[in-house]
Amino acid sequence: MDQTQLLKGVLDLAVLAVVRGEDGYGYDIVRRLRDGGLADVGDASVYGTLRRLYAAGALTSYVVPSESGPHRKYYGITPIGRDQLKRQRDDWHTFSTTLDGLLDGPAHSTTSQGASA
């Protein structure tokens, strides 16, 4: 299954989850998402999500000088972001439980009424 469309719907949640415990800079957040199992997440998608979450007040940012290259812009979660994370996590659990019920529910026979598609 192509995860691109699924990822678009949950990228905010995933980004908030990975910065919940520790602030991170852009590529670090991309790496954590990939290490967490979202191997196909695109850099541009994550950077766009970081900008959007920052603009919405869900993330804060600050710059840390680097001796080995350009300064890095770190992102951390704000109280607004923690509230958003909780709401979206609850929504995700409700949605996934519902979908699991549909997927694991009683199988329909192909000979039952209304089976012509």
PDB file of N, CA and C in Angstrom:
ATOM      1  N   MET A   1       0.841  -1.179   0.000  1.00  0.00           N
ATOM      2  CA  MET A   1       0.000   0.000   0.000  1.00  0.00           C
ATOM      3  C   MET A   1       0.886   1.243   0.000  1.00  0.00           C
ATOM      4  N   ASP A   2       0.528   2.202  -0.826  1.00  0.00           N
ATOM      5  CA  ASP A   2       1.249   3.465  -0.881  1.00  0.00           C
ATOM      6  C   ASP A   2       0.924   4.261   0.380  1.00  0.00           C
ATOM      7  N   GLN A   3       1.919   4.550   1.170  1.00  0.00           N
ATOM      8  CA  GLN A   3       1.716   5.234   2.441  1.00  0.00           C
ATOM      9  C   GLN A   3       1.673   6.751   2.310  1.00  0.00           C
ATOM     10  N   THR A   4       1.876   7.274   1.108  1.00  0.00           N
ATOM     11  CA  THR A   4       1.955   8.720   0.931  1.00  0.00           C
ATOM     12  C   THR A   4       0.707   9.426   1.416  1.00  0.00           C
ATOM     13  N   GLN A   5      -0.454   8.956   1.012  1.00  0.00           N
ATOM     14  CA  GLN A   5      -1.705   9.600   1.420  1.00  0.00           C
ATOM     15  C   GLN A   5      -1.959   9.426   2.917  1.00  0.00           C
ATOM     16  N   LEU A   6      -1.654   8.261   3.447  1.00  0.00           N
ATOM     17  CA  LEU A   6      -1.809   8.040   4.890  1.00  0.00           C
ATOM     18  C   LEU A   6      -0.900   8.974   5.674  1.00  0.00           C
ATOM     19  N   LEU A   7       0.317   9.130   5.195  1.00  0.00           N
ATOM     20  CA  LEU A   7       1.298   9.961   5.875  1.00  0.00           C
ATOM     21  C   LEU A   7       0.870  11.418   5.922  1.00  0.00           C
ATOM     22  N   LYS A   8       0.277  11.910   4.844  1.00  0.00           N
ATOM     23  CA  LYS A   8      -0.193  13.298   4.812  1.00  0.00           C
ATOM     24  C   LYS A   8      -1.179  13.573   5.940  1.00  0.00           C
ATOM     25  N   GLY A   9      -2.000  12.589   6.254  1.00  0.00           N
ATOM     26  CA  GLY A   9      -3.017  12.771   7.280  1.00  0.00           C
ATOM     27  C   GLY A   9      -2.495  12.708   8.698  1.00  0.00           C
ATOM     28  N   VAL A  10      -1.310  12.153   8.883  1.00  0.00           N
ATOM     29  CA  VAL A  10      -0.811  11.968  10.250  1.00  0.00           C
ATOM     30  C   VAL A  10       0.567  12.590  10.496  1.00  0.00           C
ATOM     31  N   LEU A  11       1.074  13.355   9.548  1.00  0.00           N
ATOM     32  CA  LEU A  11       2.425  13.888   9.706  1.00  0.00           C
ATOM     33  C   LEU A  11       2.522  14.878  10.867  1.00  0.00           C
ATOM     34  N   ASP A  12       1.507  15.716  11.059  1.00  0.00           N
ATOM     35  CA  ASP A  12       1.515  16.628  12.211  1.00  0.00           C
ATOM     36  C   ASP A  12       1.647  15.835  13.502  1.00  0.00           C
ATOM     37  N   LEU A  13       0.838  14.798  13.629  1.00  0.00           N
ATOM     38  CA  LEU A  13       0.857  13.953  14.824  1.00  0.00           C
ATOM     39  C   LEU A  13       2.224  13.308  15.018  1.00  0.00           C
ATOM     40  N   ALA A  14       2.801  12.791  13.948  1.00  0.00           N
ATOM     41  CA  ALA A  14       4.099  12.120  14.034  1.00  0.00           C
ATOM     42  C   ALA A  14       5.205  13.095  14.436  1.00  0.00           C
ATOM     43  N   VAL A  15       5.199  14.295  13.855  1.00  0.00           N
ATOM     44  CA  VAL A  15       6.222  15.287  14.189  1.00  0.00           C
ATOM     45  C   VAL A  15       6.093  15.713  15.643  1.00  0.00           C
ATOM     46  N   LEU A  16       4.876  15.991  16.085  1.00  0.00           N
ATOM     47  CA  LEU A  16       4.682  16.372  17.492  1.00  0.00           C
ATOM     48  C   LEU A  16       5.132  15.256  18.426  1.00  0.00           C
ATOM     49  N   ALA A  17       4.877  14.016  18.035  1.00  0.00           N
ATOM     50  CA  ALA A  17       5.274  12.879  18.874  1.00  0.00           C
ATOM     51  C   ALA A  17       6.790  12.784  19.023  1.00  0.00           C
ATOM     52  N   VAL A  18       7.531  13.035  17.935  1.00  0.00           N
ATOM     53  CA  VAL A  18       8.986  12.877  18.035  1.00  0.00           C
ATOM     54  C   VAL A  18       9.665  14.036  18.741  1.00  0.00           C
ATOM     55  N   VAL A  19       9.034  15.207  18.804  1.00  0.00           N
ATOM     56  CA  VAL A  19       9.649  16.318  19.550  1.00  0.00           C
ATOM     57  C   VAL A  19       9.079  16.442  20.957  1.00  0.00           C
ATOM     58  N   ARG A  20       8.145  15.583  21.293  1.00  0.00           N
ATOM     59  CA  ARG A  20       7.520  15.611  22.629  1.00  0.00           C
ATOM     60  C   ARG A  20       8.553  15.451  23.734  1.00  0.00           C
ATOM     61  N   GLY A  21       9.480  14.548  23.572  1.00  0.00           N
ATOM     62  CA  GLY A  21      10.438  14.264  24.633  1.00  0.00           C
ATOM     63  C   GLY A  21      11.763  14.994  24.499  1.00  0.00           C
ATOM     64  N   GLU A  22      12.084  15.403  23.284  1.00  0.00           N
ATOM     65  CA  GLU A  22      13.377  16.050  23.052  1.00  0.00           C
ATOM     66  C   GLU A  22      13.286  16.957  21.830  1.00  0.00           C
ATOM     67  N   ASP A  23      13.736  18.197  21.977  1.00  0.00           N
ATOM     68  CA  ASP A  23      13.773  19.130  20.857  1.00  0.00           C
ATOM     69  C   ASP A  23      14.676  18.565  19.766  1.00  0.00           C
ATOM     70  N   GLY A  24      14.473  19.034  18.543  1.00  0.00           N
ATOM     71  CA  GLY A  24      15.321  18.572  17.460  1.00  0.00           C
ATOM     72  C   GLY A  24      15.364  19.577  16.327  1.00  0.00           C
ATOM     73  N   TYR A  25      16.413  19.501  15.526  1.00  0.00           N
ATOM     74  CA  TYR A  25      16.515  20.335  14.330  1.00  0.00           C
ATOM     75  C   TYR A  25      15.917  19.559  13.159  1.00  0.00           C
ATOM     76  N   GLY A  26      15.692  20.253  12.058  1.00  0.00           N
ATOM     77  CA  GLY A  26      14.957  19.671  10.941  1.00  0.00           C
ATOM     78  C   GLY A  26      15.383  18.288  10.522  1.00  0.00           C
ATOM     79  N   TYR A  27      16.647  18.121  10.142  1.00  0.00           N
ATOM     80  CA  TYR A  27      17.053  16.805   9.658  1.00  0.00           C
ATOM     81  C   TYR A  27      17.033  15.751  10.767  1.00  0.00           C
ATOM     82  N   ASP A  28      17.286  16.160  11.994  1.00  0.00           N
ATOM     83  CA  ASP A  28      17.208  15.237  13.124  1.00  0.00           C
ATOM     84  C   ASP A  28      15.778  14.694  13.261  1.00  0.00           C
ATOM     85  N   ILE A  29      14.807  15.549  13.076  1.00  0.00           N
ATOM     86  CA  ILE A  29      13.406  15.129  13.167  1.00  0.00           C
ATOM     87  C   ILE A  29      13.071  14.177  12.020  1.00  0.00           C
ATOM     88  N   VAL A  30      13.544  14.491  10.819  1.00  0.00           N
ATOM     89  CA  VAL A  30      13.359  13.582   9.676  1.00  0.00           C
ATOM     90  C   VAL A  30      13.960  12.219  10.003  1.00  0.00           C
ATOM     91  N   ARG A  31      15.179  12.209  10.524  1.00  0.00           N
ATOM     92  CA  ARG A  31      15.862  10.952  10.864  1.00  0.00           C
ATOM     93  C   ARG A  31      15.075  10.159  11.909  1.00  0.00           C
ATOM     94  N   ARG A  32      14.577  10.848  12.947  1.00  0.00           N
ATOM     95  CA  ARG A  32      13.808  10.152  13.985  1.00  0.00           C
ATOM     96  C   ARG A  32      12.521   9.547  13.422  1.00  0.00           C
ATOM     97  N   LEU A  33      11.877  10.273  12.520  1.00  0.00           N
ATOM     98  CA  LEU A  33      10.667   9.728  11.892  1.00  0.00           C
ATOM     99  C   LEU A  33      10.997   8.482  11.081  1.00  0.00           C
ATOM    100  N   ARG A  34      12.077   8.548  10.318  1.00  0.00           N
ATOM    101  CA  ARG A  34      12.487   7.394   9.505  1.00  0.00           C
ATOM    102  C   ARG A  34      12.905   6.225  10.383  1.00  0.00           C
ATOM    103  N   ASP A  35      13.673   6.512  11.429  1.00  0.00           N
ATOM    104  CA  ASP A  35      14.083   5.454  12.355  1.00  0.00           C
ATOM    105  C   ASP A  35      12.877   4.841  13.061  1.00  0.00           C
ATOM    106  N   GLY A  36      11.826   5.628  13.223  1.00  0.00           N
ATOM    107  CA  GLY A  36      10.610   5.148  13.871  1.00  0.00           C
ATOM    108  C   GLY A  36       9.708   4.333  12.957  1.00  0.00           C
ATOM    109  N   GLY A  37      10.087   4.200  11.693  1.00  0.00           N
ATOM    110  CA  GLY A  37       9.319   3.363  10.780  1.00  0.00           C
ATOM    111  C   GLY A  37       8.683   4.087   9.609  1.00  0.00           C
ATOM    112  N   LEU A  38       8.803   5.404   9.551  1.00  0.00           N
ATOM    113  CA  LEU A  38       8.243   6.164   8.430  1.00  0.00           C
ATOM    114  C   LEU A  38       9.331   6.417   7.400  1.00  0.00           C
ATOM    115  N   ALA A  39       9.813   5.319   6.815  1.00  0.00           N
ATOM    116  CA  ALA A  39      10.966   5.375   5.916  1.00  0.00           C
ATOM    117  C   ALA A  39      10.742   6.254   4.694  1.00  0.00           C
ATOM    118  N   ASP A  40       9.501   6.405   4.252  1.00  0.00           N
ATOM    119  CA  ASP A  40       9.223   7.146   3.030  1.00  0.00           C
ATOM    120  C   ASP A  40       8.915   8.616   3.251  1.00  0.00           C
ATOM    121  N   VAL A  41       9.050   9.098   4.484  1.00  0.00           N
ATOM    122  CA  VAL A  41       8.730  10.505   4.738  1.00  0.00           C
ATOM    123  C   VAL A  41       9.737  11.395   4.007  1.00  0.00           C
ATOM    124  N   GLY A  42       9.213  12.415   3.337  1.00  0.00           N
ATOM    125  CA  GLY A  42      10.061  13.302   2.561  1.00  0.00           C
ATOM    126  C   GLY A  42      10.557  14.479   3.374  1.00  0.00           C
ATOM    127  N   ASP A  43      11.777  14.901   3.106  1.00  0.00           N
ATOM    128  CA  ASP A  43      12.357  16.057   3.795  1.00  0.00           C
ATOM    129  C   ASP A  43      11.460  17.282   3.657  1.00  0.00           C
ATOM    130  N   ALA A  44      11.042  17.586   2.430  1.00  0.00           N
ATOM    131  CA  ALA A  44      10.240  18.786   2.185  1.00  0.00           C
ATOM    132  C   ALA A  44       8.921  18.740   2.946  1.00  0.00           C
ATOM    133  N   SER A  45       8.318  17.571   3.035  1.00  0.00           N
ATOM    134  CA  SER A  45       7.056  17.434   3.775  1.00  0.00           C
ATOM    135  C   SER A  45       7.254  17.744   5.251  1.00  0.00           C
ATOM    136  N   VAL A  46       8.347  17.253   5.814  1.00  0.00           N
ATOM    137  CA  VAL A  46       8.621  17.489   7.233  1.00  0.00           C
ATOM    138  C   VAL A  46       8.929  18.958   7.487  1.00  0.00           C
ATOM    139  N   TYR A  47       9.752  19.554   6.633  1.00  0.00           N
ATOM    140  CA  TYR A  47      10.088  20.968   6.822  1.00  0.00           C
ATOM    141  C   TYR A  47       8.841  21.847   6.700  1.00  0.00           C
ATOM    142  N   GLY A  48       7.961  21.528   5.758  1.00  0.00           N
ATOM    143  CA  GLY A  48       6.708  22.259   5.627  1.00  0.00           C
ATOM    144  C   GLY A  48       5.827  22.094   6.851  1.00  0.00           C
ATOM    145  N   THR A  49       5.790  20.892   7.396  1.00  0.00           N
ATOM    146  CA  THR A  49       5.015  20.618   8.606  1.00  0.00           C
ATOM    147  C   THR A  49       5.583  21.384   9.792  1.00  0.00           C
ATOM    148  N   LEU A  50       6.906  21.428   9.913  1.00  0.00           N
ATOM    149  CA  LEU A  50       7.535  22.189  10.998  1.00  0.00           C
ATOM    150  C   LEU A  50       7.157  23.669  10.914  1.00  0.00           C
ATOM    151  N   ARG A  51       7.208  24.230   9.715  1.00  0.00           N
ATOM    152  CA  ARG A  51       6.840  25.645   9.547  1.00  0.00           C
ATOM    153  C   ARG A  51       5.374  25.880   9.901  1.00  0.00           C
ATOM    154  N   ARG A  52       4.506  24.990   9.459  1.00  0.00           N
ATOM    155  CA  ARG A  52       3.074  25.132   9.731  1.00  0.00           C
ATOM    156  C   ARG A  52       2.770  25.002  11.229  1.00  0.00           C
ATOM    157  N   LEU A  53       3.378  24.014  11.885  1.00  0.00           N
ATOM    158  CA  LEU A  53       3.155  23.829  13.318  1.00  0.00           C
ATOM    159  C   LEU A  53       3.716  25.001  14.125  1.00  0.00           C
ATOM    160  N   TYR A  54       4.837  25.543  13.677  1.00  0.00           N
ATOM    161  CA  TYR A  54       5.420  26.714  14.327  1.00  0.00           C
ATOM    162  C   TYR A  54       4.477  27.913  14.182  1.00  0.00           C
ATOM    163  N   ALA A  55       3.969  28.127  12.976  1.00  0.00           N
ATOM    164  CA  ALA A  55       3.063  29.256  12.724  1.00  0.00           C
ATOM    165  C   ALA A  55       1.780  29.133  13.540  1.00  0.00           C
ATOM    166  N   ALA A  56       1.351  27.910  13.818  1.00  0.00           N
ATOM    167  CA  ALA A  56       0.134  27.672  14.589  1.00  0.00           C
ATOM    168  C   ALA A  56       0.369  27.752  16.097  1.00  0.00           C
ATOM    169  N   GLY A  57       1.636  27.909  16.511  1.00  0.00           N
ATOM    170  CA  GLY A  57       1.950  28.000  17.934  1.00  0.00           C
ATOM    171  C   GLY A  57       2.156  26.659  18.612  1.00  0.00           C
ATOM    172  N   ALA A  58       2.161  25.574  17.833  1.00  0.00           N
ATOM    173  CA  ALA A  58       2.349  24.237  18.404  1.00  0.00           C
ATOM    174  C   ALA A  58       3.824  23.931  18.677  1.00  0.00           C
ATOM    175  N   LEU A  59       4.704  24.643  17.989  1.00  0.00           N
ATOM    176  CA  LEU A  59       6.147  24.471  18.178  1.00  0.00           C
ATOM    177  C   LEU A  59       6.787  25.830  18.444  1.00  0.00           C
ATOM    178  N   THR A  60       7.870  25.789  19.176  1.00  0.00           N
ATOM    179  CA  THR A  60       8.733  26.951  19.359  1.00  0.00           C
ATOM    180  C   THR A  60      10.029  26.650  18.615  1.00  0.00           C
ATOM    181  N   SER A  61      10.819  27.664  18.341  1.00  0.00           N
ATOM    182  CA  SER A  61      12.099  27.400  17.679  1.00  0.00           C
ATOM    183  C   SER A  61      13.174  28.309  18.249  1.00  0.00           C
ATOM    184  N   TYR A  62      14.396  27.842  18.125  1.00  0.00           N
ATOM    185  CA  TYR A  62      15.560  28.614  18.552  1.00  0.00           C
ATOM    186  C   TYR A  62      16.765  28.125  17.759  1.00  0.00           C
ATOM    187  N   VAL A  63      17.742  28.984  17.627  1.00  0.00           N
ATOM    188  CA  VAL A  63      18.924  28.668  16.828  1.00  0.00           C
ATOM    189  C   VAL A  63      20.084  28.322  17.761  1.00  0.00           C
ATOM    190  N   VAL A  64      20.784  27.248  17.402  1.00  0.00           N
ATOM    191  CA  VAL A  64      21.962  26.803  18.148  1.00  0.00           C
ATOM    192  C   VAL A  64      23.158  26.874  17.218  1.00  0.00           C
ATOM    193  N   PRO A  65      24.200  27.635  17.598  1.00  0.00           N
ATOM    194  CA  PRO A  65      25.404  27.700  16.755  1.00  0.00           C
ATOM    195  C   PRO A  65      26.059  26.326  16.642  1.00  0.00           C
ATOM    196  N   SER A  66      26.658  26.088  15.504  1.00  0.00           N
ATOM    197  CA  SER A  66      27.349  24.826  15.269  1.00  0.00           C
ATOM    198  C   SER A  66      28.786  25.129  14.873  1.00  0.00           C
ATOM    199  N   GLU A  67      29.726  24.433  15.466  1.00  0.00           N
ATOM    200  CA  GLU A  67      31.134  24.619  15.126  1.00  0.00           C
ATOM    201  C   GLU A  67      31.516  23.883  13.855  1.00  0.00           C
ATOM    202  N   SER A  68      30.705  22.910  13.453  1.00  0.00           N
ATOM    203  CA  SER A  68      31.064  22.091  12.297  1.00  0.00           C
ATOM    204  C   SER A  68      30.234  22.405  11.058  1.00  0.00           C
ATOM    205  N   GLY A  69      29.479  23.474  11.065  1.00  0.00           N
ATOM    206  CA  GLY A  69      28.657  23.805   9.905  1.00  0.00           C
ATOM    207  C   GLY A  69      27.723  24.948  10.229  1.00  0.00           C
ATOM    208  N   PRO A  70      26.657  25.073   9.445  1.00  0.00           N
ATOM    209  CA  PRO A  70      25.715  26.174   9.673  1.00  0.00           C
ATOM    210  C   PRO A  70      24.971  26.008  11.001  1.00  0.00           C
ATOM    211  N   HIS A  71      24.476  27.123  11.503  1.00  0.00           N
ATOM    212  CA  HIS A  71      23.666  27.075  12.724  1.00  0.00           C
ATOM    213  C   HIS A  71      22.452  26.192  12.477  1.00  0.00           C
ATOM    214  N   ARG A  72      21.957  25.592  13.540  1.00  0.00           N
ATOM    215  CA  ARG A  72      20.801  24.708  13.417  1.00  0.00           C
ATOM    216  C   ARG A  72      19.604  25.312  14.129  1.00  0.00           C
ATOM    217  N   LYS A  73      18.467  25.248  13.454  1.00  0.00           N
ATOM    218  CA  LYS A  73      17.219  25.732  14.033  1.00  0.00           C
ATOM    219  C   LYS A  73      16.528  24.548  14.701  1.00  0.00           C
ATOM    220  N   TYR A  74      16.408  24.612  16.021  1.00  0.00           N
ATOM    221  CA  TYR A  74      15.774  23.554  16.793  1.00  0.00           C
ATOM    222  C   TYR A  74      14.304  23.874  17.011  1.00  0.00           C
ATOM    223  N   TYR A  75      13.507  22.822  17.108  1.00  0.00           N
ATOM    224  CA  TYR A  75      12.081  22.947  17.374  1.00  0.00           C
ATOM    225  C   TYR A  75      11.745  22.186  18.648  1.00  0.00           C
ATOM    226  N   GLY A  76      10.867  22.779  19.443  1.00  0.00           N
ATOM    227  CA  GLY A  76      10.379  22.140  20.657  1.00  0.00           C
ATOM    228  C   GLY A  76       8.869  22.298  20.737  1.00  0.00           C
ATOM    229  N   ILE A  77       8.238  21.427  21.464  1.00  0.00           N
ATOM    230  CA  ILE A  77       6.782  21.446  21.572  1.00  0.00           C
ATOM    231  C   ILE A  77       6.349  22.469  22.623  1.00  0.00           C
ATOM    232  N   THR A  78       5.247  23.146  22.370  1.00  0.00           N
ATOM    233  CA  THR A  78       4.691  24.131  23.291  1.00  0.00           C
ATOM    234  C   THR A  78       3.474  23.527  23.984  1.00  0.00           C
ATOM    235  N   PRO A  79       2.917  24.217  24.979  1.00  0.00           N
ATOM    236  CA  PRO A  79       1.669  23.720  25.582  1.00  0.00           C
ATOM    237  C   PRO A  79       0.546  23.547  24.547  1.00  0.00           C
ATOM    238  N   ILE A  80       0.465  24.451  23.581  1.00  0.00           N
ATOM    239  CA  ILE A  80      -0.530  24.307  22.514  1.00  0.00           C
ATOM    240  C   ILE A  80      -0.260  23.024  21.730  1.00  0.00           C
ATOM    241  N   GLY A  81       1.005  22.756  21.456  1.00  0.00           N
ATOM    242  CA  GLY A  81       1.388  21.540  20.743  1.00  0.00           C
ATOM    243  C   GLY A  81       1.077  20.289  21.543  1.00  0.00           C
ATOM    244  N   ARG A  82       1.294  20.340  22.859  1.00  0.00           N
ATOM    245  CA  ARG A  82       0.964  19.177  23.699  1.00  0.00           C
ATOM    246  C   ARG A  82      -0.532  18.903  23.690  1.00  0.00           C
ATOM    247  N   ASP A  83      -1.336  19.970  23.729  1.00  0.00           N
ATOM    248  CA  ASP A  83      -2.794  19.799  23.647  1.00  0.00           C
ATOM    249  C   ASP A  83      -3.186  19.206  22.300  1.00  0.00           C
ATOM    250  N   GLN A  84      -2.576  19.725  21.231  1.00  0.00           N
ATOM    251  CA  GLN A  84      -2.861  19.201  19.893  1.00  0.00           C
ATOM    252  C   GLN A  84      -2.446  17.737  19.794  1.00  0.00           C
ATOM    253  N   LEU A  85      -1.292  17.408  20.326  1.00  0.00           N
ATOM    254  CA  LEU A  85      -0.815  16.022  20.309  1.00  0.00           C
ATOM    255  C   LEU A  85      -1.797  15.104  21.026  1.00  0.00           C
ATOM    256  N   LYS A  86      -2.281  15.517  22.183  1.00  0.00           N
ATOM    257  CA  LYS A  86      -3.231  14.692  22.937  1.00  0.00           C
ATOM    258  C   LYS A  86      -4.524  14.490  22.141  1.00  0.00           C
ATOM    259  N   ARG A  87      -5.057  15.578  21.581  1.00  0.00           N
ATOM    260  CA  ARG A  87      -6.303  15.476  20.801  1.00  0.00           C
ATOM    261  C   ARG A  87      -6.117  14.570  19.591  1.00  0.00           C
ATOM    262  N   GLN A  88      -5.036  14.796  18.852  1.00  0.00           N
ATOM    263  CA  GLN A  88      -4.819  13.999  17.646  1.00  0.00           C
ATOM    264  C   GLN A  88      -4.501  12.546  17.979  1.00  0.00           C
ATOM    265  N   ARG A  89      -3.837  12.323  19.094  1.00  0.00           N
ATOM    266  CA  ARG A  89      -3.557  10.942  19.512  1.00  0.00           C
ATOM    267  C   ARG A  89      -4.852  10.231  19.865  1.00  0.00           C
ATOM    268  N   ASP A  90      -5.728  10.911  20.598  1.00  0.00           N
ATOM    269  CA  ASP A  90      -7.032  10.326  20.933  1.00  0.00           C
ATOM    270  C   ASP A  90      -7.838  10.043  19.668  1.00  0.00           C
ATOM    271  N   ASP A  91      -7.830  11.006  18.730  1.00  0.00           N
ATOM    272  CA  ASP A  91      -8.541  10.817  17.464  1.00  0.00           C
ATOM    273  C   ASP A  91      -7.979   9.622  16.703  1.00  0.00           C
ATOM    274  N   TRP A  92      -6.647   9.499  16.693  1.00  0.00           N
ATOM    275  CA  TRP A  92      -6.007   8.387  15.996  1.00  0.00           C
ATOM    276  C   TRP A  92      -6.420   7.054  16.613  1.00  0.00           C
ATOM    277  N   HIS A  93      -6.411   6.967  17.935  1.00  0.00           N
ATOM    278  CA  HIS A  93      -6.795   5.709  18.589  1.00  0.00           C
ATOM    279  C   HIS A  93      -8.244   5.347  18.269  1.00  0.00           C
ATOM    280  N   THR A  94      -9.131   6.325  18.284  1.00  0.00           N
ATOM    281  CA  THR A  94     -10.535   6.065  17.955  1.00  0.00           C
ATOM    282  C   THR A  94     -10.655   5.595  16.509  1.00  0.00           C
ATOM    283  N   PHE A  95      -9.998   6.303  15.598  1.00  0.00           N
ATOM    284  CA  PHE A  95     -10.051   5.951  14.184  1.00  0.00           C
ATOM    285  C   PHE A  95      -9.474   4.558  13.931  1.00  0.00           C
ATOM    286  N   SER A  96      -8.304   4.282  14.503  1.00  0.00           N
ATOM    287  CA  SER A  96      -7.663   2.990  14.242  1.00  0.00           C
ATOM    288  C   SER A  96      -8.461   1.836  14.847  1.00  0.00           C
ATOM    289  N   THR A  97      -9.088   2.063  15.997  1.00  0.00           N
ATOM    290  CA  THR A  97      -9.938   1.033  16.596  1.00  0.00           C
ATOM    291  C   THR A  97     -11.137   0.754  15.695  1.00  0.00           C
ATOM    292  N   THR A  98     -11.730   1.812  15.162  1.00  0.00           N
ATOM    293  CA  THR A  98     -12.863   1.652  14.252  1.00  0.00           C
ATOM    294  C   THR A  98     -12.449   0.898  13.002  1.00  0.00           C
ATOM    295  N   LEU A  99     -11.326   1.277  12.403  1.00  0.00           N
ATOM    296  CA  LEU A  99     -10.869   0.613  11.190  1.00  0.00           C
ATOM    297  C   LEU A  99     -10.494  -0.843  11.465  1.00  0.00           C
ATOM    298  N   ASP A 100      -9.861  -1.103  12.612  1.00  0.00           N
ATOM    299  CA  ASP A 100      -9.548  -2.488  12.985  1.00  0.00           C
ATOM    300  C   ASP A 100     -10.826  -3.315  13.067  1.00  0.00           C
ATOM    301  N   GLY A 101     -11.884  -2.724  13.621  1.00  0.00           N
ATOM    302  CA  GLY A 101     -13.159  -3.435  13.709  1.00  0.00           C
ATOM    303  C   GLY A 101     -13.719  -3.769  12.341  1.00  0.00           C
ATOM    304  N   LEU A 102     -13.573  -2.850  11.408  1.00  0.00           N
ATOM    305  CA  LEU A 102     -14.040  -3.115  10.046  1.00  0.00           C
ATOM    306  C   LEU A 102     -13.195  -4.186   9.373  1.00  0.00           C
ATOM    307  N   LEU A 103     -11.883  -4.099   9.556  1.00  0.00           N
ATOM    308  CA  LEU A 103     -10.989  -5.062   8.912  1.00  0.00           C
ATOM    309  C   LEU A 103     -11.096  -6.455   9.515  1.00  0.00           C
ATOM    310  N   ASP A 104     -11.298  -6.527  10.817  1.00  0.00           N
ATOM    311  CA  ASP A 104     -11.337  -7.810  11.507  1.00  0.00           C
ATOM    312  C   ASP A 104     -12.755  -8.327  11.726  1.00  0.00           C
ATOM    313  N   GLY A 105     -13.748  -7.588  11.253  1.00  0.00           N
ATOM    314  CA  GLY A 105     -15.150  -7.961  11.455  1.00  0.00           C
ATOM    315  C   GLY A 105     -15.515  -9.205  10.676  1.00  0.00           C
ATOM    316  N   PRO A 106     -16.787  -9.548  10.749  1.00  0.00           N
ATOM    317  CA  PRO A 106     -17.231 -10.773  10.058  1.00  0.00           C
ATOM    318  C   PRO A 106     -17.006 -10.650   8.550  1.00  0.00           C
ATOM    319  N   ALA A 107     -16.505 -11.724   7.976  1.00  0.00           N
ATOM    320  CA  ALA A 107     -16.259 -11.750   6.531  1.00  0.00           C
ATOM    321  C   ALA A 107     -17.593 -11.853   5.806  1.00  0.00           C
ATOM    322  N   HIS A 108     -17.685 -11.180   4.690  1.00  0.00           N
ATOM    323  CA  HIS A 108     -18.899 -11.234   3.884  1.00  0.00           C
ATOM    324  C   HIS A 108     -18.729 -12.260   2.783  1.00  0.00           C
ATOM    325  N   SER A 109     -19.739 -13.055   2.605  1.00  0.00           N
ATOM    326  CA  SER A 109     -19.718 -14.054   1.546  1.00  0.00           C
ATOM    327  C   SER A 109     -19.976 -13.366   0.206  1.00  0.00           C
ATOM    328  N   THR A 110     -19.328 -13.837  -0.828  1.00  0.00           N
ATOM    329  CA  THR A 110     -19.530 -13.245  -2.154  1.00  0.00           C
ATOM    330  C   THR A 110     -20.875 -13.665  -2.744  1.00  0.00           C
ATOM    331  N   THR A 111     -21.548 -14.592  -2.096  1.00  0.00           N
ATOM    332  CA  THR A 111     -22.848 -15.033  -2.610  1.00  0.00           C
ATOM    333  C   THR A 111     -23.997 -14.354  -1.882  1.00  0.00           C
ATOM    334  N   SER A 112     -23.695 -13.492  -0.911  1.00  0.00           N
ATOM    335  CA  SER A 112     -24.769 -12.832  -0.172  1.00  0.00           C
ATOM    336  C   SER A 112     -25.385 -11.734  -1.013  1.00  0.00           C
ATOM    337  N   GLN A 113     -26.577 -11.319  -0.634  1.00  0.00           N
ATOM    338  CA  GLN A 113     -27.291 -10.282  -1.370  1.00  0.00           C
ATOM    339  C   GLN A 113     -26.490  -9.004  -1.397  1.00  0.00           C
ATOM    340  N   GLY A 114     -26.591  -8.322  -2.492  1.00  0.00           N
ATOM    341  CA  GLY A 114     -25.900  -7.040  -2.610  1.00  0.00           C
ATOM    342  C   GLY A 114     -24.418  -7.172  -2.897  1.00  0.00           C
ATOM    343  N   ALA A 115     -23.963  -8.371  -3.207  1.00  0.00           N
ATOM    344  CA  ALA A 115     -22.548  -8.577  -3.440  1.00  0.00           C
ATOM    345  C   ALA A 115     -22.118  -8.213  -4.849  1.00  0.00           C
ATOM    346  N   SER A 116     -23.071  -7.868  -5.698  1.00  0.00           N
ATOM    347  CA  SER A 116     -22.663  -7.486  -7.041  1.00  0.00           C
ATOM    348  C   SER A 116     -22.122  -6.068  -7.011  1.00  0.00           C
ATOM    349  N   ALA A 117     -20.909  -5.904  -7.468  1.00  0.00           N
ATOM    350  CA  ALA A 117     -20.275  -4.589  -7.410  1.00  0.00           C
ATOM    351  C   ALA A 117     -20.055  -4.022  -8.769  1.00  0.00           C
TER     352      ALA A 117
END
